[in-house]
Amino acid sequence: MTTKIFTSEEIKDLKIAALARKYKCSDDYVRRVLKGDRERNTELAQGIMQDAGDMLAIVERETKVML
């Protein structure tokens, strides 16, 4: 799995509560995993990292808006 450490700005863009609800864990645990304060060798942590990466990709991608 990726060893990306999410920055404070990136974490602000993510829906931490939604990830915590999906994985039935605390907001604090999700933040610690994203910051790299917790090990990422469990299925839970790997799922959080995968979904957070997907969410961030959606937020950062450029989209064309047609009016």
Protein backbone atom coordinates (compact mmCIF):
# COMPACT_ATOMS: atom_id res chain seq x y z
CA MET A 1 0.00 0.00 0.00
CA THR A 2 1.03 3.55 -0.47
CA THR A 3 3.19 5.34 2.09
CA LYS A 4 1.71 8.76 1.34
CA ILE A 5 1.47 11.13 4.28
CA PHE A 6 -1.47 13.47 3.82
CA THR A 7 -0.81 17.15 4.57
CA SER A 8 -3.03 19.25 6.83
CA GLU A 9 -4.46 21.02 3.78
CA GLU A 10 -5.29 17.71 2.08
CA ILE A 11 -6.92 16.38 5.24
CA LYS A 12 -9.11 19.50 5.40
CA ASP A 13 -10.44 18.63 1.93
CA LEU A 14 -11.43 15.11 2.99
CA LYS A 15 -14.64 14.04 4.72
CA ILE A 16 -13.07 12.45 7.79
CA ALA A 17 -16.43 11.74 9.45
CA ALA A 18 -17.67 9.87 6.37
CA LEU A 19 -14.58 7.65 6.34
CA ALA A 20 -14.92 7.00 10.08
CA ARG A 21 -18.59 6.10 9.68
CA LYS A 22 -17.88 3.79 6.74
CA TYR A 23 -15.15 1.91 8.60
CA LYS A 24 -16.86 2.09 12.02
CA CYS A 25 -13.95 3.79 13.76
CA SER A 26 -13.26 7.20 15.29
CA ASP A 27 -12.47 10.42 13.47
CA ASP A 28 -9.24 10.56 15.48
CA TYR A 29 -8.15 7.13 14.21
CA VAL A 30 -8.78 8.18 10.60
CA ARG A 31 -6.72 11.37 11.06
CA ARG A 32 -3.85 9.44 12.68
CA VAL A 33 -3.76 6.94 9.82
CA LEU A 34 -3.77 9.72 7.22
CA LYS A 35 -1.01 11.65 8.99
CA GLY A 36 1.11 8.51 9.40
CA ASP A 37 0.88 8.45 13.20
CA ARG A 38 -0.65 4.96 13.10
CA GLU A 39 0.55 1.84 11.34
CA ARG A 40 -1.05 1.15 7.97
CA ASN A 41 -0.57 -2.59 7.84
CA THR A 42 -4.16 -3.54 8.73
CA GLU A 43 -7.04 -3.98 6.31
CA LEU A 44 -8.84 -1.14 8.07
CA ALA A 45 -5.97 1.33 7.64
CA GLN A 46 -5.36 0.27 4.05
CA GLY A 47 -9.04 0.77 3.20
CA ILE A 48 -8.99 4.24 4.76
CA MET A 49 -5.87 5.16 2.78
CA GLN A 50 -7.34 3.86 -0.49
CA ASP A 51 -10.62 5.73 -0.06
CA ALA A 52 -8.90 8.92 1.11
CA GLY A 53 -6.66 8.83 -1.97
CA ASP A 54 -9.70 8.34 -4.21
CA MET A 55 -11.54 11.22 -2.51
CA LEU A 56 -8.56 13.54 -2.86
CA ALA A 57 -8.18 12.65 -6.55
CA ILE A 58 -11.78 13.68 -7.13
CA VAL A 59 -11.32 16.95 -5.25
CA GLU A 60 -8.10 17.84 -7.08
CA ARG A 61 -9.01 16.85 -10.62
CA GLU A 62 -9.82 19.55 -13.10
CA THR A 63 -13.28 19.42 -14.56
CA LYS A 64 -14.74 21.30 -17.48
CA VAL A 65 -17.95 23.11 -16.70
CA MET A 66 -20.20 23.81 -19.64
CA LEU A 67 -22.99 26.32 -19.23
